């Protein structure tokens, strides 16, 4: 059995036959047991029937123009409004459109990357670029990169010379073997 709050939340689904069969039965059981929720359900059902049975009246032709003329005469609507379908919109002054265009252009200019910035970054990132006459041209790079073993890569990462193994890797191996002793003896 549902409580009052849950029943009130699902009353519209029950009235529109959108509730599942089990939920429908639970709502009907609660409405049979709770007079407050039953009254609310009846009021919603009565309102729904009144709206469904109401007669739809069409406005006579030309009435909208007459209402609009009276509203403009009373000063309720500005005469510079244009009607677009159901909406009315005011025209923006020309200077507001121009200011928005100038603002968009300034924003695009400020955000867009500048050519000199790109050149500066590429020059800073290129290590082999030197002014003319300062150093001889660098030899051409080999067509295939050298193939290194894992030991050579590890040695080049941890030491200054690839010929001797790095001290750090040896120390790390010791730490992995005995982590407590390595904390007390670390230099």
N, C-alpha and C. Protein backbone atom coordinates (compact mmCIF):
# COMPACT_ATOMS: atom_id res chain seq x y z
N UNK A 1 0.85 -1.19 0.00
CA UNK A 1 0.00 0.00 0.00
C UNK A 1 0.89 1.24 0.00
N UNK A 2 0.51 2.24 -0.78
CA UNK A 2 1.31 3.45 -0.93
C UNK A 2 0.96 4.44 0.16
N UNK A 3 1.91 5.34 0.44
CA UNK A 3 1.62 6.41 1.40
C UNK A 3 1.01 7.60 0.64
N UNK A 4 0.56 8.60 1.39
CA UNK A 4 -0.16 9.74 0.79
C UNK A 4 0.71 10.52 -0.20
N UNK A 5 1.97 10.78 0.16
CA UNK A 5 2.84 11.57 -0.72
C UNK A 5 3.07 10.86 -2.05
N UNK A 6 3.36 9.57 -1.99
CA UNK A 6 3.60 8.81 -3.22
C UNK A 6 2.33 8.74 -4.07
N UNK A 7 1.18 8.62 -3.42
CA UNK A 7 -0.08 8.57 -4.16
C UNK A 7 -0.35 9.90 -4.86
N UNK A 8 -0.13 11.01 -4.15
CA UNK A 8 -0.37 12.33 -4.75
C UNK A 8 0.56 12.59 -5.93
N UNK A 9 1.79 12.09 -5.83
CA UNK A 9 2.74 12.28 -6.93
C UNK A 9 2.30 11.51 -8.18
N UNK A 10 1.66 10.37 -8.00
CA UNK A 10 1.31 9.50 -9.13
C UNK A 10 -0.16 9.62 -9.55
N UNK A 11 -0.92 10.57 -8.97
CA UNK A 11 -2.34 10.71 -9.33
C UNK A 11 -2.54 11.06 -10.81
N UNK A 12 -1.70 11.95 -11.34
CA UNK A 12 -1.86 12.32 -12.75
C UNK A 12 -1.58 11.12 -13.66
N UNK A 13 -0.58 10.33 -13.32
CA UNK A 13 -0.29 9.13 -14.12
C UNK A 13 -1.48 8.16 -14.04
N UNK A 14 -2.12 8.06 -12.88
CA UNK A 14 -3.29 7.19 -12.72
C UNK A 14 -4.46 7.71 -13.55
N UNK A 15 -4.70 9.04 -13.52
CA UNK A 15 -5.79 9.63 -14.29
C UNK A 15 -5.57 9.49 -15.79
N UNK A 16 -4.32 9.60 -16.24
CA UNK A 16 -4.00 9.52 -17.68
C UNK A 16 -3.75 8.09 -18.14
N UNK A 17 -3.95 7.11 -17.26
CA UNK A 17 -3.72 5.68 -17.55
C UNK A 17 -2.29 5.42 -17.98
N UNK A 18 -1.34 6.12 -17.37
CA UNK A 18 0.08 5.92 -17.66
C UNK A 18 0.76 5.04 -16.61
N UNK A 19 0.08 4.76 -15.51
CA UNK A 19 0.67 3.95 -14.44
C UNK A 19 0.60 2.47 -14.81
N UNK A 20 1.58 1.72 -14.32
CA UNK A 20 1.59 0.27 -14.54
C UNK A 20 0.42 -0.36 -13.78
N UNK A 21 0.08 -1.60 -14.13
CA UNK A 21 -1.08 -2.27 -13.53
C UNK A 21 -0.92 -2.41 -12.02
N UNK A 22 0.27 -2.81 -11.56
CA UNK A 22 0.49 -2.96 -10.11
C UNK A 22 0.38 -1.62 -9.40
N UNK A 23 0.95 -0.58 -10.00
CA UNK A 23 0.90 0.74 -9.40
C UNK A 23 -0.53 1.27 -9.39
N UNK A 24 -1.28 0.98 -10.45
CA UNK A 24 -2.68 1.39 -10.52
C UNK A 24 -3.50 0.77 -9.39
N UNK A 25 -3.27 -0.53 -9.15
CA UNK A 25 -3.99 -1.21 -8.06
C UNK A 25 -3.62 -0.62 -6.71
N UNK A 26 -2.33 -0.32 -6.51
CA UNK A 26 -1.88 0.25 -5.23
C UNK A 26 -2.50 1.63 -5.01
N UNK A 27 -2.58 2.44 -6.07
CA UNK A 27 -3.19 3.78 -5.94
C UNK A 27 -4.68 3.64 -5.63
N UNK A 28 -5.37 2.74 -6.31
CA UNK A 28 -6.80 2.56 -6.07
C UNK A 28 -7.07 2.04 -4.66
N UNK A 29 -6.22 1.15 -4.15
CA UNK A 29 -6.37 0.67 -2.77
C UNK A 29 -6.18 1.83 -1.78
N UNK A 30 -5.17 2.68 -2.04
CA UNK A 30 -4.93 3.80 -1.14
C UNK A 30 -6.09 4.80 -1.20
N UNK A 31 -6.61 5.06 -2.40
CA UNK A 31 -7.74 5.99 -2.52
C UNK A 31 -8.98 5.44 -1.81
N UNK A 32 -9.15 4.14 -1.79
CA UNK A 32 -10.30 3.54 -1.09
C UNK A 32 -10.13 3.65 0.42
N UNK A 33 -8.88 3.66 0.91
CA UNK A 33 -8.64 3.69 2.34
C UNK A 33 -8.45 5.10 2.89
N UNK A 34 -8.00 6.06 2.09
CA UNK A 34 -7.66 7.41 2.57
C UNK A 34 -8.66 8.42 2.00
N UNK A 35 -9.50 9.02 2.84
CA UNK A 35 -10.50 9.97 2.32
C UNK A 35 -9.87 11.26 1.79
N UNK A 36 -8.75 11.71 2.35
CA UNK A 36 -8.11 12.95 1.88
C UNK A 36 -7.61 12.78 0.45
N UNK A 37 -6.91 11.70 0.19
CA UNK A 37 -6.40 11.45 -1.15
C UNK A 37 -7.54 11.17 -2.12
N UNK A 38 -8.61 10.53 -1.64
CA UNK A 38 -9.76 10.25 -2.50
C UNK A 38 -10.42 11.56 -2.94
N UNK A 39 -10.55 12.53 -2.02
CA UNK A 39 -11.12 13.83 -2.38
C UNK A 39 -10.24 14.56 -3.39
N UNK A 40 -8.93 14.48 -3.20
CA UNK A 40 -8.02 15.13 -4.14
C UNK A 40 -8.10 14.47 -5.52
N UNK A 41 -8.19 13.15 -5.53
CA UNK A 41 -8.34 12.44 -6.80
C UNK A 41 -9.63 12.80 -7.51
N UNK A 42 -10.74 12.92 -6.75
CA UNK A 42 -12.02 13.31 -7.35
C UNK A 42 -11.97 14.73 -7.88
N UNK A 43 -11.31 15.63 -7.14
CA UNK A 43 -11.19 17.02 -7.61
C UNK A 43 -10.40 17.09 -8.92
N UNK A 44 -9.33 16.32 -9.01
CA UNK A 44 -8.54 16.30 -10.25
C UNK A 44 -9.35 15.70 -11.40
N UNK A 45 -10.11 14.66 -11.11
CA UNK A 45 -10.93 14.02 -12.14
C UNK A 45 -12.02 14.98 -12.62
N UNK A 46 -12.64 15.71 -11.69
CA UNK A 46 -13.67 16.68 -12.04
C UNK A 46 -13.09 17.82 -12.89
N UNK A 47 -11.91 18.30 -12.50
CA UNK A 47 -11.26 19.38 -13.26
C UNK A 47 -10.91 18.90 -14.67
N UNK A 48 -10.44 17.69 -14.78
CA UNK A 48 -10.09 17.13 -16.09
C UNK A 48 -11.33 17.04 -16.98
N UNK A 49 -12.44 16.60 -16.41
CA UNK A 49 -13.68 16.49 -17.20
C UNK A 49 -14.20 17.87 -17.62
N UNK A 50 -14.09 18.87 -16.73
CA UNK A 50 -14.54 20.22 -17.08
C UNK A 50 -13.72 20.79 -18.23
N UNK A 51 -12.42 20.58 -18.20
CA UNK A 51 -11.57 21.08 -19.28
C UNK A 51 -11.88 20.35 -20.57
N UNK A 52 -12.10 19.05 -20.50
CA UNK A 52 -12.40 18.28 -21.71
C UNK A 52 -13.75 18.66 -22.31
N UNK A 53 -14.73 18.99 -21.45
CA UNK A 53 -16.07 19.33 -21.93
C UNK A 53 -16.23 20.80 -22.30
N UNK A 54 -15.24 21.61 -22.02
CA UNK A 54 -15.39 23.05 -22.29
C UNK A 54 -15.43 23.29 -23.79
N UNK A 55 -16.15 24.32 -24.17
CA UNK A 55 -16.32 24.66 -25.58
C UNK A 55 -15.18 25.58 -25.99
N UNK A 56 -14.61 25.26 -27.12
CA UNK A 56 -13.51 26.08 -27.61
C UNK A 56 -14.10 27.17 -28.50
N UNK A 57 -13.79 28.42 -28.18
CA UNK A 57 -14.34 29.55 -28.92
C UNK A 57 -13.20 30.19 -29.71
N UNK A 58 -13.45 30.39 -30.99
CA UNK A 58 -12.48 31.06 -31.84
C UNK A 58 -12.71 32.57 -31.76
N UNK A 59 -11.64 33.32 -31.75
CA UNK A 59 -11.76 34.78 -31.73
C UNK A 59 -12.20 35.26 -33.11
N UNK A 60 -13.05 36.28 -33.14
CA UNK A 60 -13.51 36.78 -34.44
C UNK A 60 -12.34 37.40 -35.22
N UNK A 61 -12.39 37.32 -36.54
CA UNK A 61 -11.29 37.88 -37.33
C UNK A 61 -11.18 39.39 -37.10
N UNK A 62 -9.95 39.88 -37.03
CA UNK A 62 -9.72 41.30 -36.83
C UNK A 62 -9.69 41.73 -35.38
N UNK A 63 -10.02 40.83 -34.46
CA UNK A 63 -10.05 41.24 -33.05
C UNK A 63 -8.64 41.49 -32.52
N UNK A 64 -7.65 40.73 -33.01
CA UNK A 64 -6.28 40.93 -32.55
C UNK A 64 -5.76 42.30 -32.95
N UNK A 65 -6.10 42.73 -34.17
CA UNK A 65 -5.65 44.05 -34.63
C UNK A 65 -6.30 45.15 -33.79
N UNK A 66 -7.57 44.98 -33.44
CA UNK A 66 -8.25 45.98 -32.61
C UNK A 66 -7.67 46.06 -31.22
N UNK A 67 -7.38 44.90 -30.63
CA UNK A 67 -6.77 44.88 -29.29
C UNK A 67 -5.40 45.54 -29.33
N UNK A 68 -4.64 45.24 -30.38
CA UNK A 68 -3.30 45.82 -30.52
C UNK A 68 -3.37 47.34 -30.67
N UNK A 69 -4.32 47.83 -31.45
CA UNK A 69 -4.46 49.27 -31.66
C UNK A 69 -4.82 49.96 -30.35
N UNK A 70 -5.72 49.37 -29.58
CA UNK A 70 -6.09 49.97 -28.29
C UNK A 70 -4.92 49.96 -27.31
N UNK A 71 -4.12 48.88 -27.31
CA UNK A 71 -2.97 48.79 -26.41
C UNK A 71 -1.90 49.81 -26.80
N UNK A 72 -1.70 50.04 -28.11
CA UNK A 72 -0.73 51.05 -28.54
C UNK A 72 -1.22 52.44 -28.17
N UNK A 73 -2.51 52.68 -28.29
CA UNK A 73 -3.06 53.98 -27.95
C UNK A 73 -2.93 54.24 -26.45
N UNK A 74 -3.05 53.20 -25.64
CA UNK A 74 -2.92 53.36 -24.20
C UNK A 74 -1.46 53.43 -23.76
N UNK A 75 -0.54 53.18 -24.68
CA UNK A 75 0.89 53.24 -24.35
C UNK A 75 1.42 51.96 -23.72
N UNK A 76 0.66 50.88 -23.83
CA UNK A 76 1.10 49.61 -23.26
C UNK A 76 2.10 48.88 -24.16
N UNK A 77 2.02 49.13 -25.46
CA UNK A 77 2.93 48.49 -26.41
C UNK A 77 3.60 49.59 -27.21
N UNK A 78 4.91 49.50 -27.37
CA UNK A 78 5.63 50.47 -28.18
C UNK A 78 5.32 50.21 -29.65
N UNK A 79 5.22 51.26 -30.43
CA UNK A 79 4.88 51.09 -31.84
C UNK A 79 6.04 50.56 -32.66
N UNK A 80 7.26 50.51 -32.09
CA UNK A 80 8.42 50.00 -32.84
C UNK A 80 8.54 48.49 -32.76
N UNK A 81 7.58 47.84 -32.10
CA UNK A 81 7.61 46.37 -32.01
C UNK A 81 7.15 45.77 -33.33
N UNK A 82 7.77 44.68 -33.71
CA UNK A 82 7.31 43.94 -34.89
C UNK A 82 6.82 42.59 -34.42
N UNK A 83 5.75 42.12 -35.04
CA UNK A 83 5.18 40.84 -34.64
C UNK A 83 5.77 39.75 -35.51
N UNK A 84 6.30 38.72 -34.84
CA UNK A 84 6.84 37.56 -35.53
C UNK A 84 6.09 36.36 -34.97
N UNK A 85 5.10 35.87 -35.71
CA UNK A 85 4.32 34.75 -35.21
C UNK A 85 3.59 35.15 -33.94
N UNK A 86 3.83 34.42 -32.86
CA UNK A 86 3.19 34.71 -31.58
C UNK A 86 4.02 35.68 -30.75
N UNK A 87 5.25 35.88 -31.14
CA UNK A 87 6.15 36.71 -30.32
C UNK A 87 6.24 38.13 -30.89
N UNK A 88 6.60 39.03 -30.03
CA UNK A 88 6.94 40.37 -30.48
C UNK A 88 8.39 40.61 -30.12
N UNK A 89 9.11 41.25 -31.00
CA UNK A 89 10.51 41.52 -30.71
C UNK A 89 10.83 42.96 -31.05
N UNK A 90 11.71 43.55 -30.28
CA UNK A 90 12.15 44.92 -30.53
C UNK A 90 13.39 44.85 -31.42
N UNK A 91 13.48 45.79 -32.31
CA UNK A 91 14.65 45.85 -33.17
C UNK A 91 15.79 46.49 -32.38
N UNK A 92 16.96 45.88 -32.50
CA UNK A 92 18.13 46.45 -31.85
C UNK A 92 18.60 47.66 -32.63
N UNK A 93 19.06 48.67 -31.93
CA UNK A 93 19.63 49.81 -32.65
C UNK A 93 20.86 49.36 -33.43
N UNK A 94 21.16 50.09 -34.49
CA UNK A 94 22.28 49.74 -35.35
C UNK A 94 23.60 49.78 -34.59
N UNK A 95 23.75 50.73 -33.67
CA UNK A 95 25.02 50.85 -32.94
C UNK A 95 25.26 49.64 -32.04
N UNK A 96 24.20 49.01 -31.52
CA UNK A 96 24.37 47.83 -30.66
C UNK A 96 24.87 46.65 -31.48
N UNK A 97 24.36 46.49 -32.69
CA UNK A 97 24.84 45.41 -33.55
C UNK A 97 26.29 45.64 -33.95
N UNK A 98 26.64 46.89 -34.26
CA UNK A 98 28.02 47.21 -34.63
C UNK A 98 28.97 46.98 -33.46
N UNK A 99 28.55 47.35 -32.25
CA UNK A 99 29.40 47.14 -31.07
C UNK A 99 29.61 45.66 -30.81
N UNK A 100 28.59 44.85 -31.02
CA UNK A 100 28.74 43.40 -30.83
C UNK A 100 29.71 42.83 -31.86
N UNK A 101 29.64 43.31 -33.10
CA UNK A 101 30.55 42.83 -34.15
C UNK A 101 31.99 43.22 -33.84
N UNK A 102 32.20 44.46 -33.39
CA UNK A 102 33.56 44.90 -33.03
C UNK A 102 34.08 44.10 -31.85
N UNK A 103 33.25 43.85 -30.87
CA UNK A 103 33.68 43.04 -29.71
C UNK A 103 34.06 41.63 -30.12
N UNK A 104 33.29 41.03 -31.02
CA UNK A 104 33.62 39.68 -31.49
C UNK A 104 34.93 39.67 -32.26
N UNK A 105 35.17 40.71 -33.06
CA UNK A 105 36.42 40.79 -33.82
C UNK A 105 37.61 40.95 -32.88
N UNK A 106 37.48 41.79 -31.85
CA UNK A 106 38.57 41.97 -30.88
C UNK A 106 38.85 40.68 -30.12
N UNK A 107 37.82 39.98 -29.75
CA UNK A 107 38.00 38.71 -29.04
C UNK A 107 38.70 37.69 -29.93
N UNK A 108 38.31 37.61 -31.19
CA UNK A 108 38.96 36.68 -32.12
C UNK A 108 40.42 37.04 -32.33
N UNK A 109 40.73 38.34 -32.43
CA UNK A 109 42.12 38.77 -32.61
C UNK A 109 42.95 38.43 -31.38
N UNK A 110 42.38 38.59 -30.20
CA UNK A 110 43.13 38.35 -28.96
C UNK A 110 43.36 36.86 -28.74
N UNK A 111 42.39 36.03 -29.08
CA UNK A 111 42.48 34.59 -28.84
C UNK A 111 43.29 33.88 -29.92
N UNK A 112 43.25 34.36 -31.14
CA UNK A 112 43.91 33.68 -32.25
C UNK A 112 45.43 33.67 -32.05
N UNK A 113 46.11 32.57 -32.40
CA UNK A 113 47.57 32.53 -32.26
C UNK A 113 48.22 33.44 -33.29
N UNK A 114 49.22 34.15 -32.83
CA UNK A 114 49.93 35.06 -33.72
C UNK A 114 51.10 34.33 -34.36
N UNK A 115 51.45 34.76 -35.56
CA UNK A 115 52.49 34.08 -36.31
C UNK A 115 53.84 34.20 -35.62
N UNK A 116 54.15 35.37 -35.04
CA UNK A 116 55.45 35.51 -34.38
C UNK A 116 55.53 34.64 -33.12
N UNK A 117 54.41 34.44 -32.45
CA UNK A 117 54.43 33.53 -31.29
C UNK A 117 54.75 32.11 -31.72
N UNK A 118 54.16 31.69 -32.81
CA UNK A 118 54.40 30.33 -33.30
C UNK A 118 55.85 30.17 -33.70
N UNK A 119 56.42 31.18 -34.39
CA UNK A 119 57.82 31.11 -34.82
C UNK A 119 58.73 31.07 -33.60
N UNK A 120 58.46 31.92 -32.59
CA UNK A 120 59.30 31.93 -31.39
C UNK A 120 59.28 30.57 -30.70
N UNK A 121 58.13 29.97 -30.57
CA UNK A 121 58.04 28.67 -29.91
C UNK A 121 58.78 27.61 -30.69
N UNK A 122 58.65 27.63 -32.03
CA UNK A 122 59.34 26.61 -32.81
C UNK A 122 60.85 26.80 -32.75
N UNK A 123 61.32 28.05 -32.69
CA UNK A 123 62.76 28.30 -32.58
C UNK A 123 63.27 27.85 -31.22
N UNK A 124 62.49 28.11 -30.18
CA UNK A 124 62.92 27.70 -28.84
C UNK A 124 62.93 26.19 -28.69
N UNK A 125 62.03 25.52 -29.34
CA UNK A 125 61.95 24.07 -29.21
C UNK A 125 62.94 23.33 -30.09
N UNK A 126 63.46 23.98 -31.12
CA UNK A 126 64.41 23.32 -32.03
C UNK A 126 65.83 23.50 -31.49
N UNK A 127 66.51 22.45 -31.04
CA UNK A 127 67.84 22.61 -30.45
C UNK A 127 68.94 22.82 -31.48
N UNK A 128 68.75 22.43 -32.73
CA UNK A 128 69.82 22.51 -33.72
C UNK A 128 69.81 23.81 -34.51
N UNK A 129 68.90 24.71 -34.27
CA UNK A 129 68.83 25.95 -35.03
C UNK A 129 69.78 26.95 -34.40
N UNK A 130 70.72 27.46 -35.21
CA UNK A 130 71.70 28.46 -34.76
C UNK A 130 71.79 29.55 -35.81
N UNK A 131 72.20 30.73 -35.42
CA UNK A 131 72.40 31.78 -36.42
C UNK A 131 73.49 31.37 -37.41
N UNK A 132 73.41 31.89 -38.61
CA UNK A 132 74.37 31.53 -39.66
C UNK A 132 75.77 31.96 -39.27
N UNK A 133 76.76 31.14 -39.55
CA UNK A 133 78.15 31.45 -39.26
C UNK A 133 78.58 31.11 -37.85
N UNK A 134 77.71 30.73 -36.98
CA UNK A 134 78.07 30.44 -35.60
C UNK A 134 78.65 29.05 -35.43
N UNK A 135 78.11 28.07 -36.10
CA UNK A 135 78.59 26.70 -35.99
C UNK A 135 78.43 26.01 -37.33
N UNK A 136 79.22 24.99 -37.57
CA UNK A 136 79.07 24.27 -38.84
C UNK A 136 77.75 23.51 -38.84
N UNK A 137 77.24 23.22 -40.02
CA UNK A 137 75.98 22.49 -40.08
C UNK A 137 76.12 21.10 -39.46
N UNK A 138 75.07 20.68 -38.84
CA UNK A 138 75.07 19.38 -38.17
C UNK A 138 75.03 18.27 -39.21
N UNK A 139 75.65 17.13 -38.90
CA UNK A 139 75.59 16.02 -39.85
C UNK A 139 74.15 15.52 -39.99
N UNK A 140 73.89 14.92 -41.12
CA UNK A 140 72.53 14.42 -41.39
C UNK A 140 72.20 13.30 -40.42
N UNK A 141 70.96 13.26 -40.01
CA UNK A 141 70.51 12.22 -39.07
C UNK A 141 70.45 10.88 -39.79
N UNK A 142 70.76 9.79 -39.08
CA UNK A 142 70.68 8.48 -39.72
C UNK A 142 69.23 8.17 -40.11
N UNK A 143 69.09 7.40 -41.16
CA UNK A 143 67.75 7.12 -41.66
C UNK A 143 66.97 6.19 -40.73
N UNK A 144 67.67 5.30 -40.01
CA UNK A 144 66.98 4.42 -39.07
C UNK A 144 67.47 4.74 -37.66
N UNK A 145 66.60 4.84 -36.70
CA UNK A 145 67.03 5.12 -35.34
C UNK A 145 67.78 3.92 -34.75
N UNK A 146 68.71 4.19 -33.84
CA UNK A 146 69.44 3.07 -33.23
C UNK A 146 68.51 2.23 -32.37
N UNK A 147 68.75 0.94 -32.33
CA UNK A 147 67.95 0.02 -31.53
C UNK A 147 68.70 -0.22 -30.23
N UNK A 148 68.08 0.10 -29.11
CA UNK A 148 68.70 -0.03 -27.80
C UNK A 148 68.03 -1.14 -27.02
N UNK A 149 68.82 -1.79 -26.18
CA UNK A 149 68.24 -2.80 -25.30
C UNK A 149 67.62 -2.10 -24.10
N UNK A 150 66.85 -2.83 -23.33
CA UNK A 150 66.22 -2.26 -22.14
C UNK A 150 67.28 -1.81 -21.14
N UNK A 151 68.37 -2.53 -21.02
CA UNK A 151 69.44 -2.17 -20.09
C UNK A 151 70.09 -0.85 -20.51
N UNK A 152 70.31 -0.66 -21.82
CA UNK A 152 70.91 0.58 -22.30
C UNK A 152 69.98 1.77 -22.09
N UNK A 153 68.70 1.56 -22.31
CA UNK A 153 67.73 2.64 -22.09
C UNK A 153 67.69 3.00 -20.62
N UNK A 154 67.65 2.01 -19.74
CA UNK A 154 67.61 2.25 -18.31
C UNK A 154 68.88 2.96 -17.86
N UNK A 155 70.03 2.54 -18.37
CA UNK A 155 71.29 3.17 -17.99
C UNK A 155 71.34 4.61 -18.47
N UNK A 156 70.82 4.88 -19.67
CA UNK A 156 70.86 6.26 -20.17
C UNK A 156 69.91 7.16 -19.40
N UNK A 157 68.86 6.60 -18.86
CA UNK A 157 67.92 7.41 -18.09
C UNK A 157 68.46 7.74 -16.70
N UNK A 158 69.19 6.84 -16.08
CA UNK A 158 69.58 7.02 -14.69
C UNK A 158 71.02 7.44 -14.48
N UNK A 159 71.83 7.40 -15.49
CA UNK A 159 73.22 7.81 -15.29
C UNK A 159 73.63 8.77 -16.39
N UNK A 160 74.76 9.44 -16.14
CA UNK A 160 75.25 10.37 -17.14
C UNK A 160 76.00 9.65 -18.24
N UNK A 161 76.53 8.47 -17.97
CA UNK A 161 77.27 7.70 -18.95
C UNK A 161 76.57 6.36 -19.18
N UNK A 162 76.30 5.99 -20.43
CA UNK A 162 75.62 4.72 -20.67
C UNK A 162 76.51 3.51 -20.47
N UNK A 163 77.84 3.71 -20.30
CA UNK A 163 78.75 2.58 -20.15
C UNK A 163 78.67 1.96 -18.76
N UNK A 164 78.46 2.77 -17.72
CA UNK A 164 78.43 2.22 -16.36
C UNK A 164 76.99 2.21 -15.84
N UNK A 165 76.61 1.22 -15.06
CA UNK A 165 75.24 1.18 -14.54
C UNK A 165 75.02 2.30 -13.54
N UNK A 166 73.82 2.74 -13.45
CA UNK A 166 73.49 3.85 -12.56
C UNK A 166 73.48 3.41 -11.12
N UNK A 167 73.92 4.33 -10.25
CA UNK A 167 73.92 4.02 -8.81
C UNK A 167 72.49 3.98 -8.28
N UNK A 168 71.65 4.82 -8.85
CA UNK A 168 70.27 4.86 -8.36
C UNK A 168 69.56 3.53 -8.59
N UNK A 169 69.76 2.93 -9.74
CA UNK A 169 69.07 1.66 -9.99
C UNK A 169 69.56 0.59 -9.04
N UNK A 170 70.85 0.60 -8.72
CA UNK A 170 71.36 -0.38 -7.75
C UNK A 170 70.73 -0.13 -6.39
N UNK A 171 70.64 1.14 -5.99
CA UNK A 171 70.03 1.46 -4.70
C UNK A 171 68.55 1.06 -4.69
N UNK A 172 67.86 1.27 -5.79
CA UNK A 172 66.45 0.89 -5.85
C UNK A 172 66.29 -0.62 -5.74
N UNK A 173 67.20 -1.36 -6.35
CA UNK A 173 67.14 -2.82 -6.22
C UNK A 173 67.29 -3.23 -4.77
N UNK A 174 68.21 -2.57 -4.05
CA UNK A 174 68.40 -2.88 -2.63
C UNK A 174 67.14 -2.53 -1.84
N UNK A 175 66.51 -1.40 -2.15
CA UNK A 175 65.30 -1.00 -1.44
C UNK A 175 64.18 -2.01 -1.66
N UNK A 176 64.08 -2.54 -2.87
CA UNK A 176 63.05 -3.54 -3.13
C UNK A 176 63.30 -4.81 -2.33
N UNK A 177 64.56 -5.15 -2.12
CA UNK A 177 64.87 -6.36 -1.37
C UNK A 177 64.63 -6.17 0.12
N UNK A 178 65.06 -5.05 0.68
CA UNK A 178 64.89 -4.80 2.11
C UNK A 178 64.50 -3.34 2.31
N UNK A 179 63.21 -3.01 2.25
CA UNK A 179 62.80 -1.61 2.31
C UNK A 179 63.06 -0.95 3.65
N UNK A 180 63.00 -1.67 4.75
CA UNK A 180 63.21 -1.06 6.07
C UNK A 180 64.67 -0.66 6.25
N UNK A 181 65.61 -1.52 5.91
CA UNK A 181 67.02 -1.21 6.05
C UNK A 181 67.42 -0.04 5.14
N UNK A 182 66.82 0.03 3.95
CA UNK A 182 67.21 1.08 3.02
C UNK A 182 66.77 2.46 3.52
N UNK A 183 65.71 2.54 4.30
CA UNK A 183 65.28 3.83 4.84
C UNK A 183 66.29 4.35 5.85
N UNK A 184 66.83 3.47 6.69
CA UNK A 184 67.77 3.89 7.73
C UNK A 184 69.17 4.14 7.20
N UNK A 185 69.53 3.52 6.10
CA UNK A 185 70.90 3.66 5.60
C UNK A 185 70.99 4.57 4.39
N UNK A 186 69.93 5.20 3.98
CA UNK A 186 69.95 6.06 2.80
C UNK A 186 70.81 7.29 3.07
N UNK A 187 71.58 7.68 2.10
CA UNK A 187 72.46 8.85 2.23
C UNK A 187 71.82 10.05 1.62
